[in-house]
């Protein structure tokens, strides 16, 4: 039986047309509502306008790299709850650390088998680690009453 991801709102930000379109088609075939953006600025605009549940984000983007997109999305007034998955050719330990520092929750190095992406997207426990760590830090603060 094929896994589905019915109704999940996903934004793919990738300047590689074939990669982005193929991933979008495969996710749509499994029931996701998918938007695609090709540049950093376009991706940021679409993310803020559509508020997806998951963003699959390339790092090497024209106009604004994926790290900057993630950092801006995590800034106050951005999207704290969205799960951001780096989907990139950058695969070193330092690349992964930089993705996490920018506010991404997961880092997948291309090429990634579609089954892995589907498993991650369908994980019922999928939560943004960035959002969870922020909630934990806020819970530790005393309210100014």
C-alpha atoms as a PDB file:
ATOM      1  CA  UNK A   1       0.000   0.000   0.000  1.00  0.00           C
ATOM      2  CA  UNK A   2       1.341   3.429  -0.941  1.00  0.00           C
ATOM      3  CA  UNK A   3       1.848   5.965   1.790  1.00  0.00           C
ATOM      4  CA  UNK A   4      -0.187   9.128   1.454  1.00  0.00           C
ATOM      5  CA  UNK A   5       0.271  12.545   2.936  1.00  0.00           C
ATOM      6  CA  UNK A   6      -3.268  13.770   2.398  1.00  0.00           C
ATOM      7  CA  UNK A   7      -3.883  17.424   2.901  1.00  0.00           C
ATOM      8  CA  UNK A   8      -0.377  18.358   4.092  1.00  0.00           C
ATOM      9  CA  UNK A   9       0.488  21.875   2.964  1.00  0.00           C
ATOM     10  CA  UNK A  10       4.029  21.778   1.628  1.00  0.00           C
ATOM     11  CA  UNK A  11       6.185  24.462   0.037  1.00  0.00           C
ATOM     12  CA  UNK A  12       9.176  23.408  -2.052  1.00  0.00           C
ATOM     13  CA  UNK A  13      11.788  26.116  -2.603  1.00  0.00           C
ATOM     14  CA  UNK A  14      14.311  24.875  -5.172  1.00  0.00           C
ATOM     15  CA  UNK A  15      15.823  26.577  -8.199  1.00  0.00           C
ATOM     16  CA  UNK A  16      16.459  23.243  -9.942  1.00  0.00           C
ATOM     17  CA  UNK A  17      13.287  23.018 -12.025  1.00  0.00           C
ATOM     18  CA  UNK A  18      13.397  19.244 -12.580  1.00  0.00           C
ATOM     19  CA  UNK A  19      14.094  18.493  -8.913  1.00  0.00           C
ATOM     20  CA  UNK A  20      11.405  20.805  -7.576  1.00  0.00           C
ATOM     21  CA  UNK A  21       8.771  19.776 -10.113  1.00  0.00           C
ATOM     22  CA  UNK A  22       9.417  16.044  -9.709  1.00  0.00           C
ATOM     23  CA  UNK A  23       9.200  16.266  -5.930  1.00  0.00           C
ATOM     24  CA  UNK A  24       6.023  18.370  -6.191  1.00  0.00           C
ATOM     25  CA  UNK A  25       4.374  15.867  -8.555  1.00  0.00           C
ATOM     26  CA  UNK A  26       5.230  12.907  -6.322  1.00  0.00           C
ATOM     27  CA  UNK A  27       3.898  14.653  -3.208  1.00  0.00           C
ATOM     28  CA  UNK A  28       0.730  15.795  -5.009  1.00  0.00           C
ATOM     29  CA  UNK A  29       0.105  12.224  -6.186  1.00  0.00           C
ATOM     30  CA  UNK A  30       0.039  11.258  -2.519  1.00  0.00           C
ATOM     31  CA  UNK A  31      -2.446  13.952  -1.580  1.00  0.00           C
ATOM     32  CA  UNK A  32      -0.314  16.907  -0.513  1.00  0.00           C
ATOM     33  CA  UNK A  33      -1.159  20.489  -1.384  1.00  0.00           C
ATOM     34  CA  UNK A  34       2.125  21.698  -2.859  1.00  0.00           C
ATOM     35  CA  UNK A  35       3.417  25.133  -3.865  1.00  0.00           C
ATOM     36  CA  UNK A  36       6.772  25.605  -5.603  1.00  0.00           C
ATOM     37  CA  UNK A  37       9.058  28.651  -5.538  1.00  0.00           C
ATOM     38  CA  UNK A  38      12.339  29.049  -7.455  1.00  0.00           C
ATOM     39  CA  UNK A  39      14.226  31.810  -5.626  1.00  0.00           C
ATOM     40  CA  UNK A  40      14.896  32.759  -2.032  1.00  0.00           C
ATOM     41  CA  UNK A  41      12.819  35.957  -2.101  1.00  0.00           C
ATOM     42  CA  UNK A  42       9.921  34.226  -3.888  1.00  0.00           C
ATOM     43  CA  UNK A  43      10.042  31.356  -1.404  1.00  0.00           C
ATOM     44  CA  UNK A  44       9.974  33.725   1.562  1.00  0.00           C
ATOM     45  CA  UNK A  45       6.990  35.586   0.085  1.00  0.00           C
ATOM     46  CA  UNK A  46       5.047  32.381  -0.693  1.00  0.00           C
ATOM     47  CA  UNK A  47       5.803  30.919   2.761  1.00  0.00           C
ATOM     48  CA  UNK A  48       4.539  33.984   4.595  1.00  0.00           C
ATOM     49  CA  UNK A  49       1.453  34.209   2.354  1.00  0.00           C
ATOM     50  CA  UNK A  50       0.433  30.530   2.434  1.00  0.00           C
ATOM     51  CA  UNK A  51       1.748  29.386   5.851  1.00  0.00           C
ATOM     52  CA  UNK A  52       2.655  25.806   4.894  1.00  0.00           C
ATOM     53  CA  UNK A  53       3.081  23.033   7.457  1.00  0.00           C
ATOM     54  CA  UNK A  54       6.369  21.910   5.882  1.00  0.00           C
ATOM     55  CA  UNK A  55       8.977  23.703   3.792  1.00  0.00           C
ATOM     56  CA  UNK A  56      11.476  21.686   1.749  1.00  0.00           C
ATOM     57  CA  UNK A  57      14.252  24.212   1.205  1.00  0.00           C
ATOM     58  CA  UNK A  58      17.306  24.133  -1.041  1.00  0.00           C
ATOM     59  CA  UNK A  59      20.326  26.054   0.252  1.00  0.00           C
ATOM     60  CA  UNK A  60      21.928  27.310  -2.971  1.00  0.00           C
ATOM     61  CA  UNK A  61      19.171  29.621  -4.196  1.00  0.00           C
ATOM     62  CA  UNK A  62      19.347  32.759  -6.331  1.00  0.00           C
ATOM     63  CA  UNK A  63      18.511  36.080  -4.714  1.00  0.00           C
ATOM     64  CA  UNK A  64      18.785  34.841  -1.120  1.00  0.00           C
ATOM     65  CA  UNK A  65      20.243  31.544   0.051  1.00  0.00           C
ATOM     66  CA  UNK A  66      18.267  28.975   2.010  1.00  0.00           C
ATOM     67  CA  UNK A  67      19.978  29.878   5.281  1.00  0.00           C
ATOM     68  CA  UNK A  68      18.780  33.468   4.974  1.00  0.00           C
ATOM     69  CA  UNK A  69      15.263  32.323   4.033  1.00  0.00           C
ATOM     70  CA  UNK A  70      15.134  30.097   7.131  1.00  0.00           C
ATOM     71  CA  UNK A  71      16.524  32.819   9.397  1.00  0.00           C
ATOM     72  CA  UNK A  72      13.938  35.324   8.153  1.00  0.00           C
ATOM     73  CA  UNK A  73      11.134  32.798   8.609  1.00  0.00           C
ATOM     74  CA  UNK A  74      12.262  32.238  12.201  1.00  0.00           C
ATOM     75  CA  UNK A  75      12.452  35.963  12.989  1.00  0.00           C
ATOM     76  CA  UNK A  76       9.668  37.513  15.097  1.00  0.00           C
ATOM     77  CA  UNK A  77       6.510  37.737  13.006  1.00  0.00           C
ATOM     78  CA  UNK A  78       7.655  34.803  10.877  1.00  0.00           C
ATOM     79  CA  UNK A  79       6.644  31.164  11.007  1.00  0.00           C
ATOM     80  CA  UNK A  80       7.689  29.527  14.283  1.00  0.00           C
ATOM     81  CA  UNK A  81       5.661  26.338  13.854  1.00  0.00           C
ATOM     82  CA  UNK A  82       6.577  25.385  10.274  1.00  0.00           C
ATOM     83  CA  UNK A  83       8.893  22.404   9.839  1.00  0.00           C
ATOM     84  CA  UNK A  84      11.822  23.399   7.621  1.00  0.00           C
ATOM     85  CA  UNK A  85      13.727  20.620   5.883  1.00  0.00           C
ATOM     86  CA  UNK A  86      17.007  21.511   4.188  1.00  0.00           C
ATOM     87  CA  UNK A  87      17.134  19.595   0.893  1.00  0.00           C
ATOM     88  CA  UNK A  88      20.530  20.328  -0.537  1.00  0.00           C
ATOM     89  CA  UNK A  89      23.753  19.170  -2.097  1.00  0.00           C
ATOM     90  CA  UNK A  90      25.702  20.556   0.876  1.00  0.00           C
ATOM     91  CA  UNK A  91      26.400  17.557   3.078  1.00  0.00           C
ATOM     92  CA  UNK A  92      29.311  18.222   5.438  1.00  0.00           C
ATOM     93  CA  UNK A  93      28.992  18.314   9.203  1.00  0.00           C
ATOM     94  CA  UNK A  94      29.516  22.087   9.144  1.00  0.00           C
ATOM     95  CA  UNK A  95      26.804  22.461   6.459  1.00  0.00           C
ATOM     96  CA  UNK A  96      24.387  20.572   8.682  1.00  0.00           C
ATOM     97  CA  UNK A  97      25.317  22.707  11.700  1.00  0.00           C
ATOM     98  CA  UNK A  98      24.843  25.895   9.697  1.00  0.00           C
ATOM     99  CA  UNK A  99      21.373  24.735   8.628  1.00  0.00           C
ATOM    100  CA  UNK A 100      20.378  24.128  12.242  1.00  0.00           C
ATOM    101  CA  UNK A 101      21.778  27.519  13.310  1.00  0.00           C
ATOM    102  CA  UNK A 102      19.687  29.200  10.597  1.00  0.00           C
ATOM    103  CA  UNK A 103      16.520  27.632  11.992  1.00  0.00           C
ATOM    104  CA  UNK A 104      16.064  24.484   9.938  1.00  0.00           C
ATOM    105  CA  UNK A 105      14.751  21.385  11.652  1.00  0.00           C
ATOM    106  CA  UNK A 106      16.156  18.650   9.400  1.00  0.00           C
ATOM    107  CA  UNK A 107      18.965  18.438   6.840  1.00  0.00           C
ATOM    108  CA  UNK A 108      18.738  16.009   3.910  1.00  0.00           C
ATOM    109  CA  UNK A 109      21.654  15.818   1.479  1.00  0.00           C
ATOM    110  CA  UNK A 110      20.768  15.258  -2.190  1.00  0.00           C
ATOM    111  CA  UNK A 111      20.218  12.841  -3.719  1.00  0.00           C
ATOM    112  CA  UNK A 112      17.571  11.639  -1.280  1.00  0.00           C
ATOM    113  CA  UNK A 113      15.374   8.653  -2.118  1.00  0.00           C
ATOM    114  CA  UNK A 114      11.755   9.801  -2.320  1.00  0.00           C
ATOM    115  CA  UNK A 115      10.813   7.112   0.215  1.00  0.00           C
ATOM    116  CA  UNK A 116      12.938   8.957   2.850  1.00  0.00           C
ATOM    117  CA  UNK A 117      11.242  12.265   2.132  1.00  0.00           C
ATOM    118  CA  UNK A 118       7.833  10.616   2.239  1.00  0.00           C
ATOM    119  CA  UNK A 119       8.634   8.883   5.529  1.00  0.00           C
ATOM    120  CA  UNK A 120       9.712  12.192   7.087  1.00  0.00           C
ATOM    121  CA  UNK A 121       6.697  14.115   5.762  1.00  0.00           C
ATOM    122  CA  UNK A 122       4.336  11.391   7.003  1.00  0.00           C
ATOM    123  CA  UNK A 123       5.873  11.059  10.460  1.00  0.00           C
ATOM    124  CA  UNK A 124       2.983  11.669  12.866  1.00  0.00           C
ATOM    125  CA  UNK A 125       5.476  12.946  15.407  1.00  0.00           C
ATOM    126  CA  UNK A 126       7.055  15.386  12.950  1.00  0.00           C
ATOM    127  CA  UNK A 127       7.587  18.585  14.843  1.00  0.00           C
ATOM    128  CA  UNK A 128       9.923  21.397  14.209  1.00  0.00           C
ATOM    129  CA  UNK A 129      12.863  20.962  16.545  1.00  0.00           C
ATOM    130  CA  UNK A 130      13.450  24.705  16.301  1.00  0.00           C
ATOM    131  CA  UNK A 131       9.899  25.449  17.454  1.00  0.00           C
ATOM    132  CA  UNK A 132      10.133  22.895  20.247  1.00  0.00           C
ATOM    133  CA  UNK A 133      13.390  24.329  21.562  1.00  0.00           C
ATOM    134  CA  UNK A 134      11.886  27.833  21.428  1.00  0.00           C
ATOM    135  CA  UNK A 135       8.797  26.686  23.338  1.00  0.00           C
ATOM    136  CA  UNK A 136      11.009  25.083  25.963  1.00  0.00           C
ATOM    137  CA  UNK A 137      13.008  28.275  26.383  1.00  0.00           C
ATOM    138  CA  UNK A 138       9.830  30.365  26.631  1.00  0.00           C
ATOM    139  CA  UNK A 139       8.356  27.964  29.187  1.00  0.00           C
ATOM    140  CA  UNK A 140      11.403  28.539  31.369  1.00  0.00           C
ATOM    141  CA  UNK A 141      10.875  32.313  31.430  1.00  0.00           C
ATOM    142  CA  UNK A 142       8.790  33.924  34.130  1.00  0.00           C
ATOM    143  CA  UNK A 143       5.849  35.931  32.894  1.00  0.00           C
ATOM    144  CA  UNK A 144       6.014  39.637  33.708  1.00  0.00           C
ATOM    145  CA  UNK A 145       2.939  39.830  35.979  1.00  0.00           C
END
